[in-house]
Structure formats: C-alpha cells, structure tokens
Amino acid sequence: MTQTNKSSLLLATILILLAASFVWYWWQQQAQISQSQILYSPQLPTEDPIAPITPLQPATNLDPKVVSLGQQLFFDNRLSQDNSISCATCHNLQTGGDDNMPKSVGIHGQVGPINAPTVFNSAYNIRQFWDGRAQTLEEQAEGPIHNPIEMGSNWQEVIYKLKLDPQFIQQYKTAFSLPITAENLAFAIASFERSLVLLDSPFDQWLKGDADAISDAAKRGYEKFTNYGCIACHQGAAVGGGLFEKIGTLNDYFADRDNITQADLGRFNLTGEEDQRHEFKVPSLRAVSMTAPYFHDGSVWQLSDAITKMAWYQLGIELTPEDIHDIEAFLISLAGKVPALEPTQ
C-alpha cells in the first residue's frame, strides 16, 4: 500500500469515528429529554387562529387521598423552620395562586429576589420556577423548603415535626405506607398542585361553541393577540408555560429599567450560556387578570401597562388604547373557576 493510500485510509477512518461520535452524542441528548417535556409538548402557531389555544382539561389519574394529604401540607406552616409560613403564604389560592406582591417574604421577614408565579395550572408548565431549574412539581416543592430566604428548613426537620402529630400520621397512612418519606411528601404536594387547574373559563366556553361566552371586545382582543404575534410565545392550553424566551427581544427592557440584579439574569444563572442571559420561562396567562404585579421583577401593577410593555419590548409594537382595551378583555376572559378545596382534618 502506498503512503498516499495509507493517508487516505487514515483520513476516512477519522471521519467515520467523528460521525459515529456525533450520532452517539445526539442519541444521548435525546435520551435526556425530561419526562415533563415529553408529557407536555407546547403547541406551535398554525394558520388556524384558534388551534394554538385549547381548553384546559382537569388533571387525571390523581389519587384523592394523596391530593388531600398534599392540600394539608400545602397549608402547613411546619414546612418552614420557624413554623411561620406555608406554601399558601406565597401562593394564596384566593388571590390568583400568588401573593400579589412584587417580591415574596420568607421567614424572619426576608424578601426574596423574584416575583412569585401562580401555582394555578402549573402542571402545564414545561418546567418550574422562572428560570426552569426544576423539571417537575416534585422538584419544585422542595425548593422553597430548603431555601434559607423562604422556608429555611429541610425534609429531615419537617418529618421530625410531622411525626409528633398523631393526626397527621393517621392521614398520611391513608395515602402511603409508613415510614414518612421526603419523596412521598413532595409527591403529595405536587399531586395537590396538579389538581389546581382553572377550568370553564369564558374563553374556553367560547372555544367549545358558546358564541356569547365572551364579549366582542374579547373576540377582537384574541384576534389582535394572534395577529400581532403574542401567541408565538403564549401558546397552548395554558397560553404560555411551554418555552423560554428573552425579555426584551426587540427593545432593551433592562437598559430602560436599569439596576440589574442576579435574578434578572434568568437561565444564565443555571447554564452560563450568554445567549440565555435574561431568558425566562414564558408565563401562562390563564390567571393573569388575578396575579398583579407582573413580570419576574414584579415591576408593573396594571394589566394594561403589562400589555403595553410586552408589545413594545417583545414585538416592537406601539399599541393603540383600543388595542390595549381589547387585548385586556381577552386576557380577562382566560381565567377559569378556582377549584373548591376539600375540608381539611
């Protein structure tokens, strides 16, 4: 074999190995797709203006006993280190599933760095938290418990306190076998949160064929919401929650706001990737009429102002007062009924 042939053979072998390595890497990446992403694949816009948004559906395959236990835990102050706050403190089910504050307050009056998102319809989120650091609701449930600014506790401490309560132990035994485990507690809280779906909104009734379920202004608002491009990110049954996007894609939100904080960096804090700086999970708009103040920084109190700012910073559009009125009417029509809670023990 000549030297030229040997060189050609070596080059071919290297190319084959590189191709095989690329295929292996791609396969590994696909295998790592999270279960939450598999269960909820966000719908993309189509030519049909109604198709991207579909009615919310109730959660299925939930064990009522586990949901009941999760509800008990959701309202239980013993999850916090000093027994002063519960999940419901920052996620008030009577005020939109959040706390209606710019930043949430944890134990010892500590103020958090970011606005609390609503817990309603959270099962539809592709990931949890603004930066998507939790893949599941179970992961999310333990986040605040361990956060020193929020609940400042840990599962070992929580379980110790719960074991002192015979009534809780009895309720726990109706849902799980003893002993009490962190995994079961997180699963119970997540199961309760999955049940918190706002069903039968006026807009969903309209989608199902009731022509009079929403006002003419809301109908115009939905058309504008679609035509202006808002629906490119706020899509699917939850009208958001299915992807990540930068704040300020066409105009610089943070240059205008100034005073950048660590929380403003979004997913960059997790990945260190420059193209994910200021990138956040697109919030669901289903409960938006109940969850002021708005945005991750809780900086905007009026829904009309939020609409104006998002149109400018994300789409580069200056809306007219009529546009804002109509889109606001549409967004208000998205809110469904707050689920009735079961009596707790």
Protein backbone atom coordinates (compact mmCIF):
# COMPACT_ATOMS: atom_id res chain seq x y z
CA MET A 1 0.00 0.00 0.00
CA THR A 2 1.41 3.39 -0.98
CA GLN A 3 1.85 6.24 1.50
CA THR A 4 -0.94 8.16 -0.25
CA ASN A 5 -3.36 5.26 0.16
CA LYS A 6 -2.43 4.90 3.84
CA SER A 7 -3.11 8.61 4.40
CA SER A 8 -6.48 8.36 2.64
CA LEU A 9 -7.43 5.32 4.72
CA LEU A 10 -6.45 7.10 7.95
CA LEU A 11 -8.47 10.18 7.00
CA ALA A 12 -11.52 8.06 6.15
CA THR A 13 -11.23 6.23 9.48
CA ILE A 14 -11.08 9.54 11.38
CA LEU A 15 -14.14 10.86 9.54
CA ILE A 16 -16.09 7.68 10.32
CA LEU A 17 -15.16 7.92 14.02
CA LEU A 18 -16.20 11.58 14.15
CA ALA A 19 -19.53 10.78 12.51
CA ALA A 20 -20.12 7.92 14.94
CA SER A 21 -19.29 10.20 17.89
CA PHE A 22 -21.76 12.80 16.65
CA VAL A 23 -24.54 10.19 16.31
CA TRP A 24 -23.79 8.85 19.81
CA TYR A 25 -23.85 12.38 21.29
CA TRP A 26 -27.15 13.21 19.57
CA TRP A 27 -28.70 9.98 20.83
CA GLN A 28 -27.57 10.74 24.40
CA GLN A 29 -29.05 14.22 24.22
CA GLN A 30 -32.38 12.85 23.04
CA ALA A 31 -32.38 10.26 25.80
CA GLN A 32 -32.03 13.01 28.39
CA ILE A 33 -35.25 14.78 27.43
CA SER A 34 -37.15 15.17 30.69
CA GLN A 35 -40.43 13.42 31.38
CA SER A 36 -42.12 16.79 31.83
CA GLN A 37 -41.12 17.78 28.30
CA ILE A 38 -42.47 14.51 26.94
CA LEU A 39 -45.78 14.90 28.76
CA TYR A 40 -46.30 18.48 27.67
CA SER A 41 -45.23 19.44 24.19
CA PRO A 42 -46.29 23.06 23.57
CA GLN A 43 -48.45 23.68 20.55
CA LEU A 44 -46.99 25.89 17.86
CA PRO A 45 -48.92 28.54 15.94
CA THR A 46 -50.68 27.39 12.80
CA GLU A 47 -52.73 29.14 10.14
CA ASP A 48 -55.86 28.42 12.16
CA PRO A 49 -56.03 31.26 14.74
CA ILE A 50 -57.96 29.12 17.24
CA ALA A 51 -55.80 25.99 17.06
CA PRO A 52 -52.87 27.15 19.26
CA ILE A 53 -55.10 27.67 22.33
CA THR A 54 -57.26 24.79 23.52
CA PRO A 55 -59.49 24.45 26.61
CA LEU A 56 -57.79 23.45 29.83
CA GLN A 57 -58.50 19.90 30.95
CA PRO A 58 -58.78 18.62 34.53
CA ALA A 59 -55.91 16.62 35.92
CA THR A 60 -56.36 12.87 35.64
CA ASN A 61 -55.03 9.81 37.45
CA LEU A 62 -54.72 11.63 40.77
CA ASP A 63 -55.30 9.67 43.97
CA PRO A 64 -57.82 11.70 46.05
CA LYS A 65 -56.17 10.56 49.29
CA VAL A 66 -52.77 11.74 48.11
CA VAL A 67 -54.25 15.04 46.86
CA SER A 68 -55.94 15.55 50.25
CA LEU A 69 -52.65 14.95 52.05
CA GLY A 70 -50.93 17.35 49.65
CA GLN A 71 -53.53 20.01 50.40
CA GLN A 72 -52.88 19.58 54.12
CA LEU A 73 -49.15 20.01 53.55
CA PHE A 74 -49.66 22.98 51.22
CA PHE A 75 -51.26 24.91 54.10
CA ASP A 76 -48.96 23.54 56.82
CA ASN A 77 -46.64 26.09 58.47
CA ARG A 78 -44.49 23.29 59.82
CA LEU A 79 -42.78 23.13 56.46
CA SER A 80 -40.94 26.32 57.46
CA GLN A 81 -38.12 26.42 60.01
CA ASP A 82 -39.94 28.73 62.44
CA ASN A 83 -43.48 27.45 61.69
CA SER A 84 -44.46 30.88 60.35
CA ILE A 85 -45.24 30.32 56.67
CA SER A 86 -46.61 27.66 54.34
CA CYS A 87 -46.74 27.15 50.59
CA ALA A 88 -50.05 29.04 50.66
CA THR A 89 -48.34 32.12 52.10
CA CYS A 90 -46.76 32.90 48.73
CA HIS A 91 -49.37 31.03 46.68
CA ASN A 92 -52.68 32.26 48.03
CA LEU A 93 -55.44 30.32 46.30
CA GLN A 94 -57.88 33.15 46.89
CA THR A 95 -55.76 35.78 45.15
CA GLY A 96 -54.71 34.14 41.91
CA GLY A 97 -52.37 31.50 43.28
CA ASP A 98 -49.65 34.01 44.14
CA ASP A 99 -49.18 36.67 46.85
CA ASN A 100 -49.85 39.85 44.83
CA MET A 101 -46.53 41.31 45.96
CA PRO A 102 -43.52 42.40 43.87
CA LYS A 103 -41.25 40.03 45.83
CA SER A 104 -42.28 37.35 48.31
CA VAL A 105 -41.42 37.49 52.02
CA GLY A 106 -39.99 34.42 53.74
CA ILE A 107 -39.08 33.58 57.32
CA HIS A 108 -37.74 36.37 59.54
CA GLY A 109 -39.17 38.92 57.10
CA GLN A 110 -36.59 38.18 54.44
CA VAL A 111 -37.54 39.49 51.00
CA GLY A 112 -36.89 37.20 48.05
CA PRO A 113 -35.26 38.23 44.76
CA ILE A 114 -38.12 37.46 42.38
CA ASN A 115 -41.89 37.61 41.93
CA ALA A 116 -43.85 34.52 42.96
CA PRO A 117 -45.56 32.85 39.95
CA THR A 118 -49.07 31.48 40.25
CA VAL A 119 -49.50 27.86 41.29
CA PHE A 120 -52.68 27.57 39.21
CA ASN A 121 -52.28 25.47 36.04
CA SER A 122 -48.65 24.83 36.99
CA ALA A 123 -48.96 21.23 35.80
CA TYR A 124 -48.98 22.65 32.26
CA ASN A 125 -45.55 24.25 32.69
CA ILE A 126 -42.69 22.62 30.80
CA ARG A 127 -40.54 23.31 33.88
CA GLN A 128 -40.99 25.08 37.20
CA PHE A 129 -39.64 28.42 38.52
CA TRP A 130 -38.98 31.40 36.29
CA ASP A 131 -35.60 30.01 35.26
CA GLY A 132 -36.86 26.45 34.82
CA ARG A 133 -34.44 24.95 37.32
CA ALA A 134 -36.96 22.34 38.48
CA GLN A 135 -38.05 19.75 35.93
CA THR A 136 -41.07 18.58 37.94
CA LEU A 137 -43.51 19.82 40.53
CA GLU A 138 -41.92 17.39 42.99
CA GLU A 139 -38.58 19.12 42.49
CA GLN A 140 -40.24 22.49 42.84
CA ALA A 141 -41.95 21.51 46.10
CA GLU A 142 -38.68 21.00 47.92
CA GLY A 143 -37.05 24.17 46.60
CA PRO A 144 -38.69 26.70 48.96
CA ILE A 145 -38.37 24.33 51.94
CA HIS A 146 -34.57 24.29 51.61
CA ASN A 147 -34.19 27.93 50.57
CA PRO A 148 -32.84 29.92 53.57
CA ILE A 149 -34.68 33.06 52.43
CA GLU A 150 -38.02 31.29 52.02
CA MET A 151 -38.77 28.47 54.48
CA GLY A 152 -35.23 27.81 55.68
CA SER A 153 -35.86 24.19 56.64
CA ASN A 154 -35.14 20.69 55.31
CA TRP A 155 -37.02 17.43 54.91
CA GLN A 156 -35.43 15.86 57.99
CA GLU A 157 -36.64 18.70 60.19
CA VAL A 158 -40.08 18.74 58.59
CA ILE A 159 -40.54 14.99 59.03
CA TYR A 160 -39.43 15.21 62.66
CA LYS A 161 -42.18 17.77 63.38
CA LEU A 162 -44.84 15.86 61.45
CA LYS A 163 -44.07 12.63 63.33
CA LEU A 164 -45.07 14.36 66.58
CA ASP A 165 -48.63 14.79 65.25
CA PRO A 166 -50.72 11.59 65.57
CA GLN A 167 -53.50 13.11 63.47
CA PHE A 168 -51.11 13.80 60.60
CA ILE A 169 -49.65 10.28 60.85
CA GLN A 170 -53.15 8.84 60.55
CA GLN A 171 -53.87 10.95 57.49
CA TYR A 172 -50.52 10.01 55.98
CA LYS A 173 -51.32 6.31 56.44
CA THR A 174 -54.48 6.69 54.35
CA ALA A 175 -52.30 7.74 51.40
CA PHE A 176 -48.99 5.94 51.89
CA SER A 177 -47.39 3.20 53.92
CA LEU A 178 -45.15 4.21 56.80
CA PRO A 179 -42.48 5.47 57.26
CA ILE A 180 -42.92 9.10 56.28
CA THR A 181 -40.51 9.93 53.46
CA ALA A 182 -39.47 13.14 51.74
CA GLU A 183 -40.32 11.61 48.36
CA ASN A 184 -43.91 10.91 49.40
CA LEU A 185 -44.37 14.34 50.94
CA ALA A 186 -43.11 16.04 47.76
CA PHE A 187 -45.30 13.79 45.63
CA ALA A 188 -48.36 14.65 47.73
CA ILE A 189 -47.76 18.40 47.43
CA ALA A 190 -47.17 18.06 43.69
CA SER A 191 -50.35 16.00 43.29
CA PHE A 192 -52.38 18.71 45.01
CA GLU A 193 -50.80 21.35 42.79
CA ARG A 194 -51.63 19.29 39.70
CA SER A 195 -55.28 19.43 40.73
CA LEU A 196 -55.27 23.24 40.72
CA VAL A 197 -56.50 23.77 37.17
CA LEU A 198 -58.75 26.75 36.41
CA LEU A 199 -61.49 25.17 34.31
CA ASP A 200 -64.51 26.52 32.42
CA SER A 201 -63.22 30.00 31.66
CA PRO A 202 -65.43 32.19 29.47
CA PHE A 203 -62.83 31.86 26.71
CA ASP A 204 -62.86 28.06 26.94
CA GLN A 205 -66.64 28.09 26.77
CA TRP A 206 -66.33 30.22 23.64
CA LEU A 207 -63.83 27.77 22.16
CA LYS A 208 -66.34 25.00 22.81
CA GLY A 209 -69.01 26.79 20.81
CA ASP A 210 -70.78 29.28 23.08
CA ALA A 211 -70.68 32.38 20.87
CA ASP A 212 -71.91 34.63 23.67
CA ALA A 213 -69.46 33.45 26.35
CA ILE A 214 -67.08 36.38 25.76
CA SER A 215 -67.58 39.98 24.74
CA ASP A 216 -66.99 41.44 21.29
CA ALA A 217 -64.00 43.28 22.76
CA ALA A 218 -62.50 39.98 23.94
CA LYS A 219 -63.03 38.47 20.50
CA ARG A 220 -61.24 41.41 18.89
CA GLY A 221 -58.56 41.12 21.55
CA TYR A 222 -57.95 37.46 20.73
CA GLU A 223 -57.66 38.31 17.04
CA LYS A 224 -55.14 41.06 17.80
CA PHE A 225 -53.29 38.84 20.28
CA THR A 226 -52.90 36.35 17.44
CA ASN A 227 -52.17 38.73 14.58
CA TYR A 228 -49.65 40.85 16.45
CA GLY A 229 -47.68 37.72 17.35
CA CYS A 230 -48.25 37.45 21.12
CA ILE A 231 -49.37 33.88 20.54
CA ALA A 232 -45.94 32.89 19.23
CA CYS A 233 -44.83 32.56 22.86
CA HIS A 234 -48.10 32.50 24.81
CA GLN A 235 -49.49 29.36 23.24
CA GLY A 236 -51.08 26.04 24.13
CA ALA A 237 -53.84 25.30 26.61
CA ALA A 238 -52.14 27.35 29.35
CA VAL A 239 -51.47 30.27 26.97
CA GLY A 240 -47.81 30.08 27.98
CA GLY A 241 -45.57 27.98 30.19
CA GLY A 242 -44.27 25.85 27.31
CA LEU A 243 -41.00 27.52 26.33
CA PHE A 244 -38.31 30.02 27.32
CA GLU A 245 -37.75 33.47 25.88
CA LYS A 246 -35.64 36.56 26.50
CA ILE A 247 -37.23 39.64 28.00
CA GLY A 248 -36.51 42.40 25.51
CA THR A 249 -36.18 40.68 22.17
CA LEU A 250 -36.75 43.83 20.08
CA ASN A 251 -36.22 46.63 22.60
CA ASP A 252 -33.92 46.56 25.62
CA TYR A 253 -36.07 46.09 28.73
CA PHE A 254 -33.16 46.07 31.15
CA ALA A 255 -31.44 49.12 29.69
CA ASP A 256 -34.64 51.07 30.32
CA ARG A 257 -35.19 49.62 33.79
CA ASP A 258 -31.55 49.71 34.97
CA ASN A 259 -30.32 48.33 38.34
CA ILE A 260 -29.77 44.75 37.13
CA THR A 261 -29.91 42.06 39.82
CA GLN A 262 -28.72 38.46 39.87
CA ALA A 263 -32.31 37.28 39.43
CA ASP A 264 -32.59 39.32 36.22
CA LEU A 265 -30.05 37.05 34.55
CA GLY A 266 -32.62 34.23 34.31
CA ARG A 267 -31.41 30.96 32.85
CA PHE A 268 -27.90 32.33 32.51
CA ASN A 269 -27.56 31.69 36.25
CA LEU A 270 -28.06 27.98 35.56
CA THR A 271 -26.23 27.44 32.30
CA GLY A 272 -23.66 30.22 32.00
CA GLU A 273 -24.66 30.43 28.33
CA GLU A 274 -24.55 34.01 27.09
CA ASP A 275 -27.49 33.50 24.74
CA GLN A 276 -29.63 32.62 27.79
CA ARG A 277 -28.92 35.85 29.67
CA HIS A 278 -32.27 37.45 30.66
CA GLU A 279 -34.12 34.36 29.44
CA PHE A 280 -37.14 33.17 31.45
CA LYS A 281 -39.98 30.72 31.17
CA VAL A 282 -42.86 32.36 29.31
CA PRO A 283 -45.58 32.63 31.96
CA SER A 284 -49.05 31.22 31.49
CA LEU A 285 -51.61 33.99 31.02
CA ARG A 286 -54.57 31.95 32.23
CA ALA A 287 -54.68 33.67 35.63
CA VAL A 288 -53.03 36.91 34.58
CA SER A 289 -56.04 39.07 35.49
CA MET A 290 -55.62 37.96 39.14
CA THR A 291 -51.85 37.99 39.58
CA ALA A 292 -50.62 41.60 39.61
CA PRO A 293 -47.89 42.80 39.89
CA TYR A 294 -46.42 41.43 36.67
CA PHE A 295 -43.16 40.10 35.22
CA HIS A 296 -40.40 38.27 37.06
CA ASP A 297 -39.45 41.51 38.82
CA GLY A 298 -42.99 42.41 39.90
CA SER A 299 -42.48 45.89 38.49
CA VAL A 300 -45.83 46.51 36.77
CA TRP A 301 -49.13 46.72 38.64
CA GLN A 302 -51.68 47.36 35.88
CA LEU A 303 -52.53 44.69 33.31
CA SER A 304 -52.92 47.36 30.62
CA ASP A 305 -49.36 48.56 31.33
CA ALA A 306 -48.05 44.99 31.15
CA ILE A 307 -49.69 44.57 27.75
CA THR A 308 -48.18 47.85 26.54
CA LYS A 309 -44.68 46.97 27.73
CA MET A 310 -44.68 43.44 26.35
CA ALA A 311 -45.86 44.63 22.95
CA TRP A 312 -43.02 47.15 22.86
CA TYR A 313 -40.18 45.07 24.30
CA GLN A 314 -41.05 41.73 22.73
CA LEU A 315 -42.71 42.70 19.44
CA GLY A 316 -41.57 46.27 18.80
CA ILE A 317 -45.19 47.42 18.54
CA GLU A 318 -46.82 50.53 20.00
CA LEU A 319 -50.41 49.56 20.70
CA THR A 320 -53.34 51.94 20.50
CA PRO A 321 -55.64 52.44 23.50
CA GLU A 322 -58.27 50.39 21.68
CA ASP A 323 -55.79 47.57 21.11
CA ILE A 324 -54.88 47.53 24.80
CA HIS A 325 -58.53 47.56 25.86
CA ASP A 326 -59.42 44.66 23.58
CA ILE A 327 -56.41 42.50 24.46
CA GLU A 328 -57.05 43.10 28.16
CA ALA A 329 -60.66 41.96 27.69
CA PHE A 330 -59.38 38.78 26.04
CA LEU A 331 -56.89 38.11 28.84
CA ILE A 332 -59.56 38.59 31.50
CA SER A 333 -61.73 36.00 29.71
CA LEU A 334 -58.97 33.36 30.14
CA ALA A 335 -59.45 32.95 33.89
CA GLY A 336 -61.44 29.89 34.91
CA LYS A 337 -63.02 28.84 38.18
CA VAL A 338 -60.86 28.46 41.27
CA PRO A 339 -61.12 24.81 42.39
CA ALA A 340 -63.12 24.15 45.56
CA LEU A 341 -60.92 22.74 48.31
CA GLU A 342 -61.75 19.66 50.32
CA PRO A 343 -62.32 20.18 54.07
CA THR A 344 -59.03 19.51 55.87
CA GLN A 345 -58.68 17.47 59.02
